[in-house]
């Protein structure tokens, strides 16, 4: 009863996605959209900022600044910023002061 088919292998080690780190920001229409999302978060709402045409390092520094000014947590996921809580109005004011065109999306 000695099967020779391979079921699991650790031969390749940790697989890194090289393309994800070298990707440039997706081109948009120049409008930053802020929406509230609660799906998959057990009812907890987050404000998601999309449409920022920035590199990942710039997004992380902007996220850090927004978290500090809003007094809450957050993270960069892909090319969008997630800020905990429904602080869309405050985020809109901050981003408009930086010269961005901002729209509140969703309900």
PDB file of N, CA and C in Angstrom:
ATOM      1  N   UNK A   1       0.826  -1.176   0.000  1.00  0.00           N
ATOM      2  CA  UNK A   1       0.000   0.000   0.000  1.00  0.00           C
ATOM      3  C   UNK A   1       0.876   1.248   0.000  1.00  0.00           C
ATOM      4  N   UNK A   2       1.901   1.258  -0.778  1.00  0.00           N
ATOM      5  CA  UNK A   2       2.843   2.364  -0.838  1.00  0.00           C
ATOM      6  C   UNK A   2       2.546   3.211  -2.074  1.00  0.00           C
ATOM      7  N   UNK A   3       1.735   4.260  -1.909  1.00  0.00           N
ATOM      8  CA  UNK A   3       1.439   5.160  -3.031  1.00  0.00           C
ATOM      9  C   UNK A   3       2.594   6.123  -3.225  1.00  0.00           C
ATOM     10  N   UNK A   4       2.916   6.420  -4.453  1.00  0.00           N
ATOM     11  CA  UNK A   4       4.038   7.321  -4.717  1.00  0.00           C
ATOM     12  C   UNK A   4       3.580   8.696  -5.192  1.00  0.00           C
ATOM     13  N   UNK A   5       2.282   8.988  -5.080  1.00  0.00           N
ATOM     14  CA  UNK A   5       1.839  10.313  -5.522  1.00  0.00           C
ATOM     15  C   UNK A   5       2.094  11.342  -4.424  1.00  0.00           C
ATOM     16  N   UNK A   6       2.486  12.519  -4.848  1.00  0.00           N
ATOM     17  CA  UNK A   6       2.848  13.592  -3.936  1.00  0.00           C
ATOM     18  C   UNK A   6       1.590  14.300  -3.457  1.00  0.00           C
ATOM     19  N   UNK A   7       1.404  14.371  -2.170  1.00  0.00           N
ATOM     20  CA  UNK A   7       0.239  15.012  -1.595  1.00  0.00           C
ATOM     21  C   UNK A   7       0.567  16.417  -1.139  1.00  0.00           C
ATOM     22  N   UNK A   8       1.709  16.617  -0.509  1.00  0.00           N
ATOM     23  CA  UNK A   8       2.092  17.923   0.027  1.00  0.00           C
ATOM     24  C   UNK A   8       3.604  18.048  -0.054  1.00  0.00           C
ATOM     25  N   UNK A   9       4.053  19.230  -0.413  1.00  0.00           N
ATOM     26  CA  UNK A   9       5.483  19.438  -0.516  1.00  0.00           C
ATOM     27  C   UNK A   9       5.851  20.826  -0.009  1.00  0.00           C
ATOM     28  N   UNK A  10       6.957  20.920   0.692  1.00  0.00           N
ATOM     29  CA  UNK A  10       7.477  22.215   1.131  1.00  0.00           C
ATOM     30  C   UNK A  10       8.721  22.572   0.337  1.00  0.00           C
ATOM     31  N   UNK A  11       8.864  21.983  -0.830  1.00  0.00           N
ATOM     32  CA  UNK A  11      10.052  22.150  -1.648  1.00  0.00           C
ATOM     33  C   UNK A  11      10.259  23.589  -2.103  1.00  0.00           C
ATOM     34  N   UNK A  12       9.172  24.288  -2.462  1.00  0.00           N
ATOM     35  CA  UNK A  12       9.322  25.633  -3.027  1.00  0.00           C
ATOM     36  C   UNK A  12       9.482  26.699  -1.963  1.00  0.00           C
ATOM     37  N   UNK A  13       9.155  26.444  -0.736  1.00  0.00           N
ATOM     38  CA  UNK A  13       9.279  27.434   0.321  1.00  0.00           C
ATOM     39  C   UNK A  13       8.199  28.490   0.213  1.00  0.00           C
ATOM     40  N   UNK A  14       8.496  29.645   0.761  1.00  0.00           N
ATOM     41  CA  UNK A  14       7.538  30.753   0.768  1.00  0.00           C
ATOM     42  C   UNK A  14       7.482  31.372  -0.621  1.00  0.00           C
ATOM     43  N   UNK A  15       6.278  31.503  -1.142  1.00  0.00           N
ATOM     44  CA  UNK A  15       6.094  32.071  -2.475  1.00  0.00           C
ATOM     45  C   UNK A  15       5.764  33.544  -2.328  1.00  0.00           C
ATOM     46  N   UNK A  16       6.562  34.404  -2.925  1.00  0.00           N
ATOM     47  CA  UNK A  16       6.335  35.845  -2.869  1.00  0.00           C
ATOM     48  C   UNK A  16       5.788  36.306  -4.210  1.00  0.00           C
ATOM     49  N   UNK A  17       4.828  37.192  -4.137  1.00  0.00           N
ATOM     50  CA  UNK A  17       4.258  37.739  -5.358  1.00  0.00           C
ATOM     51  C   UNK A  17       5.026  39.008  -5.719  1.00  0.00           C
ATOM     52  N   UNK A  18       5.969  38.891  -6.642  1.00  0.00           N
ATOM     53  CA  UNK A  18       6.824  40.009  -7.020  1.00  0.00           C
ATOM     54  C   UNK A  18       6.032  41.090  -7.747  1.00  0.00           C
ATOM     55  N   UNK A  19       4.991  40.724  -8.467  1.00  0.00           N
ATOM     56  CA  UNK A  19       4.235  41.690  -9.259  1.00  0.00           C
ATOM     57  C   UNK A  19       3.447  42.656  -8.402  1.00  0.00           C
ATOM     58  N   UNK A  20       3.023  42.242  -7.212  1.00  0.00           N
ATOM     59  CA  UNK A  20       2.198  43.092  -6.362  1.00  0.00           C
ATOM     60  C   UNK A  20       2.972  44.296  -5.853  1.00  0.00           C
ATOM     61  N   UNK A  21       4.234  44.122  -5.531  1.00  0.00           N
ATOM     62  CA  UNK A  21       5.008  45.229  -4.988  1.00  0.00           C
ATOM     63  C   UNK A  21       5.444  46.207  -6.061  1.00  0.00           C
ATOM     64  N   UNK A  22       5.568  45.764  -7.293  1.00  0.00           N
ATOM     65  CA  UNK A  22       6.054  46.649  -8.342  1.00  0.00           C
ATOM     66  C   UNK A  22       4.927  47.271  -9.162  1.00  0.00           C
ATOM     67  N   UNK A  23       3.688  47.028  -8.809  1.00  0.00           N
ATOM     68  CA  UNK A  23       2.570  47.581  -9.559  1.00  0.00           C
ATOM     69  C   UNK A  23       2.459  49.073  -9.311  1.00  0.00           C
ATOM     70  N   UNK A  24       2.070  49.781 -10.365  1.00  0.00           N
ATOM     71  CA  UNK A  24       1.808  51.204 -10.192  1.00  0.00           C
ATOM     72  C   UNK A  24       0.325  51.387  -9.884  1.00  0.00           C
ATOM     73  N   UNK A  25      -0.001  52.543  -9.368  1.00  0.00           N
ATOM     74  CA  UNK A  25      -1.381  52.824  -8.979  1.00  0.00           C
ATOM     75  C   UNK A  25      -2.287  52.814 -10.207  1.00  0.00           C
ATOM     76  N   UNK A  26      -3.492  52.261 -10.084  1.00  0.00           N
ATOM     77  CA  UNK A  26      -4.414  52.252 -11.219  1.00  0.00           C
ATOM     78  C   UNK A  26      -4.877  53.668 -11.557  1.00  0.00           C
ATOM     79  N   UNK A  27      -5.000  53.942 -12.831  1.00  0.00           N
ATOM     80  CA  UNK A  27      -5.446  55.265 -13.269  1.00  0.00           C
ATOM     81  C   UNK A  27      -6.950  55.381 -13.078  1.00  0.00           C
ATOM     82  N   UNK A  28      -7.381  56.516 -12.578  1.00  0.00           N
ATOM     83  CA  UNK A  28      -8.795  56.747 -12.329  1.00  0.00           C
ATOM     84  C   UNK A  28      -9.256  57.984 -13.065  1.00  0.00           C
ATOM     85  N   UNK A  29     -10.385  58.515 -12.642  1.00  0.00           N
ATOM     86  CA  UNK A  29     -10.946  59.704 -13.284  1.00  0.00           C
ATOM     87  C   UNK A  29     -10.578  60.982 -12.543  1.00  0.00           C
ATOM     88  N   UNK A  30      -9.685  60.893 -11.562  1.00  0.00           N
ATOM     89  CA  UNK A  30      -9.238  62.067 -10.839  1.00  0.00           C
ATOM     90  C   UNK A  30     -10.111  62.438  -9.653  1.00  0.00           C
ATOM     91  N   UNK A  31     -11.125  61.639  -9.366  1.00  0.00           N
ATOM     92  CA  UNK A  31     -12.018  61.906  -8.244  1.00  0.00           C
ATOM     93  C   UNK A  31     -11.779  60.856  -7.162  1.00  0.00           C
ATOM     94  N   UNK A  32     -11.558  61.328  -5.950  1.00  0.00           N
ATOM     95  CA  UNK A  32     -11.376  60.438  -4.810  1.00  0.00           C
ATOM     96  C   UNK A  32     -12.762  60.146  -4.236  1.00  0.00           C
ATOM     97  N   UNK A  33     -13.082  58.864  -4.069  1.00  0.00           N
ATOM     98  CA  UNK A  33     -14.391  58.472  -3.551  1.00  0.00           C
ATOM     99  C   UNK A  33     -14.234  57.859  -2.166  1.00  0.00           C
ATOM    100  N   UNK A  34     -15.106  58.293  -1.259  1.00  0.00           N
ATOM    101  CA  UNK A  34     -15.105  57.780   0.110  1.00  0.00           C
ATOM    102  C   UNK A  34     -16.446  57.093   0.339  1.00  0.00           C
ATOM    103  N   UNK A  35     -16.411  55.817   0.719  1.00  0.00           N
ATOM    104  CA  UNK A  35     -17.652  55.090   0.966  1.00  0.00           C
ATOM    105  C   UNK A  35     -17.566  54.374   2.304  1.00  0.00           C
ATOM    106  N   UNK A  36     -18.737  54.096   2.866  1.00  0.00           N
ATOM    107  CA  UNK A  36     -18.829  53.355   4.124  1.00  0.00           C
ATOM    108  C   UNK A  36     -19.148  51.908   3.793  1.00  0.00           C
ATOM    109  N   UNK A  37     -18.487  51.004   4.469  1.00  0.00           N
ATOM    110  CA  UNK A  37     -18.714  49.582   4.226  1.00  0.00           C
ATOM    111  C   UNK A  37     -18.795  48.849   5.554  1.00  0.00           C
ATOM    112  N   UNK A  38     -19.785  47.966   5.696  1.00  0.00           N
ATOM    113  CA  UNK A  38     -19.921  47.170   6.919  1.00  0.00           C
ATOM    114  C   UNK A  38     -19.931  45.676   6.619  1.00  0.00           C
ATOM    115  N   UNK A  39     -19.965  45.297   5.372  1.00  0.00           N
ATOM    116  CA  UNK A  39     -20.069  43.893   4.994  1.00  0.00           C
ATOM    117  C   UNK A  39     -18.825  43.116   5.414  1.00  0.00           C
ATOM    118  N   UNK A  40     -19.041  41.985   6.069  1.00  0.00           N
ATOM    119  CA  UNK A  40     -17.939  41.123   6.470  1.00  0.00           C
ATOM    120  C   UNK A  40     -17.149  41.640   7.654  1.00  0.00           C
ATOM    121  N   UNK A  41     -17.691  42.611   8.380  1.00  0.00           N
ATOM    122  CA  UNK A  41     -16.974  43.189   9.507  1.00  0.00           C
ATOM    123  C   UNK A  41     -17.799  43.125  10.791  1.00  0.00           C
ATOM    124  N   UNK A  42     -18.760  42.230  10.837  1.00  0.00           N
ATOM    125  CA  UNK A  42     -19.623  42.033  12.000  1.00  0.00           C
ATOM    126  C   UNK A  42     -20.330  43.313  12.419  1.00  0.00           C
ATOM    127  N   UNK A  43     -20.772  44.091  11.443  1.00  0.00           N
ATOM    128  CA  UNK A  43     -21.525  45.305  11.718  1.00  0.00           C
ATOM    129  C   UNK A  43     -20.687  46.534  11.979  1.00  0.00           C
ATOM    130  N   UNK A  44     -19.400  46.355  12.113  1.00  0.00           N
ATOM    131  CA  UNK A  44     -18.513  47.497  12.345  1.00  0.00           C
ATOM    132  C   UNK A  44     -18.271  48.205  11.014  1.00  0.00           C
ATOM    133  N   UNK A  45     -18.436  49.497  10.991  1.00  0.00           N
ATOM    134  CA  UNK A  45     -18.273  50.246   9.759  1.00  0.00           C
ATOM    135  C   UNK A  45     -16.869  50.774   9.570  1.00  0.00           C
ATOM    136  N   UNK A  46     -16.433  50.812   8.320  1.00  0.00           N
ATOM    137  CA  UNK A  46     -15.165  51.441   7.969  1.00  0.00           C
ATOM    138  C   UNK A  46     -15.403  52.389   6.807  1.00  0.00           C
ATOM    139  N   UNK A  47     -14.602  53.423   6.726  1.00  0.00           N
ATOM    140  CA  UNK A  47     -14.646  54.355   5.603  1.00  0.00           C
ATOM    141  C   UNK A  47     -13.521  53.978   4.658  1.00  0.00           C
ATOM    142  N   UNK A  48     -13.882  53.696   3.398  1.00  0.00           N
ATOM    143  CA  UNK A  48     -12.901  53.266   2.419  1.00  0.00           C
ATOM    144  C   UNK A  48     -12.671  54.391   1.417  1.00  0.00           C
ATOM    145  N   UNK A  49     -11.407  54.733   1.208  1.00  0.00           N
ATOM    146  CA  UNK A  49     -11.030  55.790   0.287  1.00  0.00           C
ATOM    147  C   UNK A  49     -10.427  55.148  -0.953  1.00  0.00           C
ATOM    148  N   UNK A  50     -11.071  55.359  -2.102  1.00  0.00           N
ATOM    149  CA  UNK A  50     -10.610  54.830  -3.388  1.00  0.00           C
ATOM    150  C   UNK A  50     -10.293  55.969  -4.335  1.00  0.00           C
ATOM    151  N   UNK A  51      -9.494  55.673  -5.359  1.00  0.00           N
ATOM    152  CA  UNK A  51      -9.233  56.653  -6.407  1.00  0.00           C
ATOM    153  C   UNK A  51      -8.021  57.518  -6.165  1.00  0.00           C
ATOM    154  N   UNK A  52      -7.240  57.208  -5.153  1.00  0.00           N
ATOM    155  CA  UNK A  52      -6.007  57.960  -4.927  1.00  0.00           C
ATOM    156  C   UNK A  52      -4.936  57.390  -5.857  1.00  0.00           C
ATOM    157  N   UNK A  53      -4.454  58.167  -6.746  1.00  0.00           N
ATOM    158  CA  UNK A  53      -3.450  57.708  -7.707  1.00  0.00           C
ATOM    159  C   UNK A  53      -2.066  57.956  -7.128  1.00  0.00           C
ATOM    160  N   UNK A  54      -1.698  57.132  -6.152  1.00  0.00           N
ATOM    161  CA  UNK A  54      -0.427  57.291  -5.446  1.00  0.00           C
ATOM    162  C   UNK A  54       0.287  55.955  -5.375  1.00  0.00           C
ATOM    163  N   UNK A  55       1.585  56.015  -5.123  1.00  0.00           N
ATOM    164  CA  UNK A  55       2.364  54.805  -4.894  1.00  0.00           C
ATOM    165  C   UNK A  55       2.055  54.274  -3.500  1.00  0.00           C
ATOM    166  N   UNK A  56       2.431  53.025  -3.267  1.00  0.00           N
ATOM    167  CA  UNK A  56       2.087  52.371  -1.996  1.00  0.00           C
ATOM    168  C   UNK A  56       2.723  53.077  -0.799  1.00  0.00           C
ATOM    169  N   UNK A  57       3.952  53.541  -0.938  1.00  0.00           N
ATOM    170  CA  UNK A  57       4.623  54.231   0.170  1.00  0.00           C
ATOM    171  C   UNK A  57       3.905  55.541   0.493  1.00  0.00           C
ATOM    172  N   UNK A  58       3.460  56.260  -0.538  1.00  0.00           N
ATOM    173  CA  UNK A  58       2.731  57.510  -0.324  1.00  0.00           C
ATOM    174  C   UNK A  58       1.374  57.244   0.326  1.00  0.00           C
ATOM    175  N   UNK A  59       0.720  56.133  -0.075  1.00  0.00           N
ATOM    176  CA  UNK A  59      -0.559  55.772   0.532  1.00  0.00           C
ATOM    177  C   UNK A  59      -0.393  55.482   2.021  1.00  0.00           C
ATOM    178  N   UNK A  60       0.687  54.794   2.373  1.00  0.00           N
ATOM    179  CA  UNK A  60       0.912  54.455   3.781  1.00  0.00           C
ATOM    180  C   UNK A  60       1.144  55.710   4.621  1.00  0.00           C
ATOM    181  N   UNK A  61       1.891  56.671   4.078  1.00  0.00           N
ATOM    182  CA  UNK A  61       2.129  57.893   4.844  1.00  0.00           C
ATOM    183  C   UNK A  61       0.853  58.726   4.956  1.00  0.00           C
ATOM    184  N   UNK A  62       0.031  58.761   3.888  1.00  0.00           N
ATOM    185  CA  UNK A  62      -1.245  59.465   3.947  1.00  0.00           C
ATOM    186  C   UNK A  62      -2.181  58.794   4.942  1.00  0.00           C
ATOM    187  N   UNK A  63      -2.198  57.458   4.951  1.00  0.00           N
ATOM    188  CA  UNK A  63      -3.036  56.704   5.884  1.00  0.00           C
ATOM    189  C   UNK A  63      -2.635  57.022   7.323  1.00  0.00           C
ATOM    190  N   UNK A  64      -1.348  57.096   7.580  1.00  0.00           N
ATOM    191  CA  UNK A  64      -0.869  57.410   8.922  1.00  0.00           C
ATOM    192  C   UNK A  64      -1.332  58.796   9.349  1.00  0.00           C
ATOM    193  N   UNK A  65      -1.266  59.741   8.428  1.00  0.00           N
ATOM    194  CA  UNK A  65      -1.704  61.109   8.734  1.00  0.00           C
ATOM    195  C   UNK A  65      -3.207  61.175   8.983  1.00  0.00           C
ATOM    196  N   UNK A  66      -3.983  60.463   8.157  1.00  0.00           N
ATOM    197  CA  UNK A  66      -5.442  60.459   8.318  1.00  0.00           C
ATOM    198  C   UNK A  66      -5.847  59.814   9.640  1.00  0.00           C
ATOM    199  N   UNK A  67      -5.190  58.722  10.009  1.00  0.00           N
ATOM    200  CA  UNK A  67      -5.494  58.055  11.273  1.00  0.00           C
ATOM    201  C   UNK A  67      -5.220  58.980  12.449  1.00  0.00           C
ATOM    202  N   UNK A  68      -4.128  59.723  12.362  1.00  0.00           N
ATOM    203  CA  UNK A  68      -3.762  60.626  13.446  1.00  0.00           C
ATOM    204  C   UNK A  68      -4.783  61.752  13.578  1.00  0.00           C
ATOM    205  N   UNK A  69      -5.221  62.315  12.426  1.00  0.00           N
ATOM    206  CA  UNK A  69      -6.170  63.428  12.473  1.00  0.00           C
ATOM    207  C   UNK A  69      -7.578  62.986  12.867  1.00  0.00           C
ATOM    208  N   UNK A  70      -7.944  61.747  12.534  1.00  0.00           N
ATOM    209  CA  UNK A  70      -9.275  61.249  12.882  1.00  0.00           C
ATOM    210  C   UNK A  70      -9.297  60.590  14.263  1.00  0.00           C
ATOM    211  N   UNK A  71      -8.145  60.220  14.773  1.00  0.00           N
ATOM    212  CA  UNK A  71      -8.085  59.584  16.085  1.00  0.00           C
ATOM    213  C   UNK A  71      -8.618  58.170  16.077  1.00  0.00           C
ATOM    214  N   UNK A  72      -8.334  57.428  15.014  1.00  0.00           N
ATOM    215  CA  UNK A  72      -8.813  56.052  14.932  1.00  0.00           C
ATOM    216  C   UNK A  72      -7.804  55.210  14.156  1.00  0.00           C
ATOM    217  N   UNK A  73      -8.085  53.937  14.018  1.00  0.00           N
ATOM    218  CA  UNK A  73      -7.194  53.022  13.325  1.00  0.00           C
ATOM    219  C   UNK A  73      -7.507  52.944  11.851  1.00  0.00           C
ATOM    220  N   UNK A  74      -6.691  52.211  11.137  1.00  0.00           N
ATOM    221  CA  UNK A  74      -6.907  52.031   9.721  1.00  0.00           C
ATOM    222  C   UNK A  74      -5.770  51.250   9.098  1.00  0.00           C
ATOM    223  N   UNK A  75      -5.885  51.008   7.778  1.00  0.00           N
ATOM    224  CA  UNK A  75      -4.879  50.234   7.064  1.00  0.00           C
ATOM    225  C   UNK A  75      -4.961  50.533   5.574  1.00  0.00           C
ATOM    226  N   UNK A  76      -3.894  50.162   4.878  1.00  0.00           N
ATOM    227  CA  UNK A  76      -3.869  50.256   3.416  1.00  0.00           C
ATOM    228  C   UNK A  76      -4.095  48.855   2.880  1.00  0.00           C
ATOM    229  N   UNK A  77      -5.120  48.667   2.070  1.00  0.00           N
ATOM    230  CA  UNK A  77      -5.420  47.379   1.451  1.00  0.00           C
ATOM    231  C   UNK A  77      -5.431  47.580  -0.057  1.00  0.00           C
ATOM    232  N   UNK A  78      -4.470  46.991  -0.743  1.00  0.00           N
ATOM    233  CA  UNK A  78      -4.381  47.200  -2.180  1.00  0.00           C
ATOM    234  C   UNK A  78      -4.017  48.646  -2.451  1.00  0.00           C
ATOM    235  N   UNK A  79      -4.832  49.329  -3.220  1.00  0.00           N
ATOM    236  CA  UNK A  79      -4.614  50.742  -3.495  1.00  0.00           C
ATOM    237  C   UNK A  79      -5.724  51.592  -2.892  1.00  0.00           C
ATOM    238  N   UNK A  80      -6.324  51.115  -1.811  1.00  0.00           N
ATOM    239  CA  UNK A  80      -7.328  51.904  -1.106  1.00  0.00           C
ATOM    240  C   UNK A  80      -6.978  51.946   0.380  1.00  0.00           C
ATOM    241  N   UNK A  81      -7.493  52.971   1.044  1.00  0.00           N
ATOM    242  CA  UNK A  81      -7.227  53.167   2.466  1.00  0.00           C
ATOM    243  C   UNK A  81      -8.510  52.887   3.236  1.00  0.00           C
ATOM    244  N   UNK A  82      -8.411  52.089   4.295  1.00  0.00           N
ATOM    245  CA  UNK A  82      -9.547  51.795   5.159  1.00  0.00           C
ATOM    246  C   UNK A  82      -9.315  52.489   6.500  1.00  0.00           C
ATOM    247  N   UNK A  83     -10.255  53.344   6.886  1.00  0.00           N
ATOM    248  CA  UNK A  83     -10.201  54.034   8.172  1.00  0.00           C
ATOM    249  C   UNK A  83     -11.371  53.540   9.007  1.00  0.00           C
ATOM    250  N   UNK A  84     -11.123  53.141  10.250  1.00  0.00           N
ATOM    251  CA  UNK A  84     -12.165  52.579  11.101  1.00  0.00           C
ATOM    252  C   UNK A  84     -13.178  53.645  11.489  1.00  0.00           C
ATOM    253  N   UNK A  85     -14.446  53.264  11.443  1.00  0.00           N
ATOM    254  CA  UNK A  85     -15.532  54.159  11.830  1.00  0.00           C
ATOM    255  C   UNK A  85     -16.083  54.934  10.641  1.00  0.00           C
ATOM    256  N   UNK A  86     -17.201  55.600  10.869  1.00  0.00           N
ATOM    257  CA  UNK A  86     -17.837  56.407   9.832  1.00  0.00           C
ATOM    258  C   UNK A  86     -17.370  57.853   9.997  1.00  0.00           C
ATOM    259  N   UNK A  87     -16.217  58.166   9.429  1.00  0.00           N
ATOM    260  CA  UNK A  87     -15.641  59.509   9.528  1.00  0.00           C
ATOM    261  C   UNK A  87     -15.502  60.123   8.134  1.00  0.00           C
ATOM    262  N   UNK A  88     -16.479  59.836   7.277  1.00  0.00           N
ATOM    263  CA  UNK A  88     -16.402  60.287   5.889  1.00  0.00           C
ATOM    264  C   UNK A  88     -16.353  61.798   5.761  1.00  0.00           C
ATOM    265  N   UNK A  89     -17.148  62.514   6.560  1.00  0.00           N
ATOM    266  CA  UNK A  89     -17.172  63.971   6.456  1.00  0.00           C
ATOM    267  C   UNK A  89     -15.823  64.584   6.847  1.00  0.00           C
ATOM    268  N   UNK A  90     -15.228  64.053   7.887  1.00  0.00           N
ATOM    269  CA  UNK A  90     -13.926  64.556   8.328  1.00  0.00           C
ATOM    270  C   UNK A  90     -12.844  64.248   7.289  1.00  0.00           C
ATOM    271  N   UNK A  91     -12.901  63.035   6.717  1.00  0.00           N
ATOM    272  CA  UNK A  91     -11.937  62.657   5.682  1.00  0.00           C
ATOM    273  C   UNK A  91     -12.086  63.539   4.448  1.00  0.00           C
ATOM    274  N   UNK A  92     -13.329  63.859   4.105  1.00  0.00           N
ATOM    275  CA  UNK A  92     -13.576  64.716   2.947  1.00  0.00           C
ATOM    276  C   UNK A  92     -12.944  66.086   3.157  1.00  0.00           C
ATOM    277  N   UNK A  93     -13.100  66.660   4.337  1.00  0.00           N
ATOM    278  CA  UNK A  93     -12.518  67.966   4.630  1.00  0.00           C
ATOM    279  C   UNK A  93     -10.992  67.928   4.553  1.00  0.00           C
ATOM    280  N   UNK A  94     -10.400  66.881   5.089  1.00  0.00           N
ATOM    281  CA  UNK A  94      -8.943  66.766   5.111  1.00  0.00           C
ATOM    282  C   UNK A  94      -8.394  66.634   3.690  1.00  0.00           C
ATOM    283  N   UNK A  95      -9.025  65.763   2.881  1.00  0.00           N
ATOM    284  CA  UNK A  95      -8.536  65.533   1.521  1.00  0.00           C
ATOM    285  C   UNK A  95      -8.779  66.740   0.620  1.00  0.00           C
ATOM    286  N   UNK A  96      -9.894  67.459   0.820  1.00  0.00           N
ATOM    287  CA  UNK A  96     -10.140  68.664   0.030  1.00  0.00           C
ATOM    288  C   UNK A  96      -9.126  69.750   0.377  1.00  0.00           C
ATOM    289  N   UNK A  97      -8.691  69.804   1.631  1.00  0.00           N
ATOM    290  CA  UNK A  97      -7.660  70.768   2.022  1.00  0.00           C
ATOM    291  C   UNK A  97      -6.326  70.454   1.350  1.00  0.00           C
ATOM    292  N   UNK A  98      -6.126  69.188   0.961  1.00  0.00           N
ATOM    293  CA  UNK A  98      -4.915  68.783   0.257  1.00  0.00           C
ATOM    294  C   UNK A  98      -5.040  68.973  -1.258  1.00  0.00           C
ATOM    295  N   UNK A  99      -6.182  69.490  -1.717  1.00  0.00           N
ATOM    296  CA  UNK A  99      -6.353  69.780  -3.134  1.00  0.00           C
ATOM    297  C   UNK A  99      -6.957  68.659  -3.955  1.00  0.00           C
ATOM    298  N   UNK A 100      -7.531  67.661  -3.339  1.00  0.00           N
ATOM    299  CA  UNK A 100      -8.156  66.536  -4.045  1.00  0.00           C
ATOM    300  C   UNK A 100      -9.630  66.828  -4.306  1.00  0.00           C
ATOM    301  N   UNK A 101     -10.152  66.296  -5.410  1.00  0.00           N
ATOM    302  CA  UNK A 101     -11.587  66.343  -5.676  1.00  0.00           C
ATOM    303  C   UNK A 101     -12.204  65.123  -5.031  1.00  0.00           C
ATOM    304  N   UNK A 102     -13.138  65.343  -4.104  1.00  0.00           N
ATOM    305  CA  UNK A 102     -13.673  64.258  -3.273  1.00  0.00           C
ATOM    306  C   UNK A 102     -15.182  64.165  -3.438  1.00  0.00           C
ATOM    307  N   UNK A 103     -15.686  62.928  -3.524  1.00  0.00           N
ATOM    308  CA  UNK A 103     -17.118  62.648  -3.532  1.00  0.00           C
ATOM    309  C   UNK A 103     -17.415  61.582  -2.489  1.00  0.00           C
ATOM    310  N   UNK A 104     -18.549  61.750  -1.817  1.00  0.00           N
ATOM    311  CA  UNK A 104     -19.015  60.723  -0.909  1.00  0.00           C
ATOM    312  C   UNK A 104     -19.849  59.733  -1.713  1.00  0.00           C
ATOM    313  N   UNK A 105     -19.439  58.478  -1.727  1.00  0.00           N
ATOM    314  CA  UNK A 105     -20.124  57.464  -2.513  1.00  0.00           C
ATOM    315  C   UNK A 105     -20.952  56.579  -1.607  1.00  0.00           C
ATOM    316  N   UNK A 106     -21.971  55.978  -2.136  1.00  0.00           N
ATOM    317  CA  UNK A 106     -22.805  55.065  -1.359  1.00  0.00           C
ATOM    318  C   UNK A 106     -23.786  55.792  -0.472  1.00  0.00           C
ATOM    319  N   UNK A 107     -24.437  55.056   0.429  1.00  0.00           N
ATOM    320  CA  UNK A 107     -25.468  55.618   1.265  1.00  0.00           C
ATOM    321  C   UNK A 107     -25.061  56.024   2.559  1.00  0.00           C
TER     322      UNK A 107
END
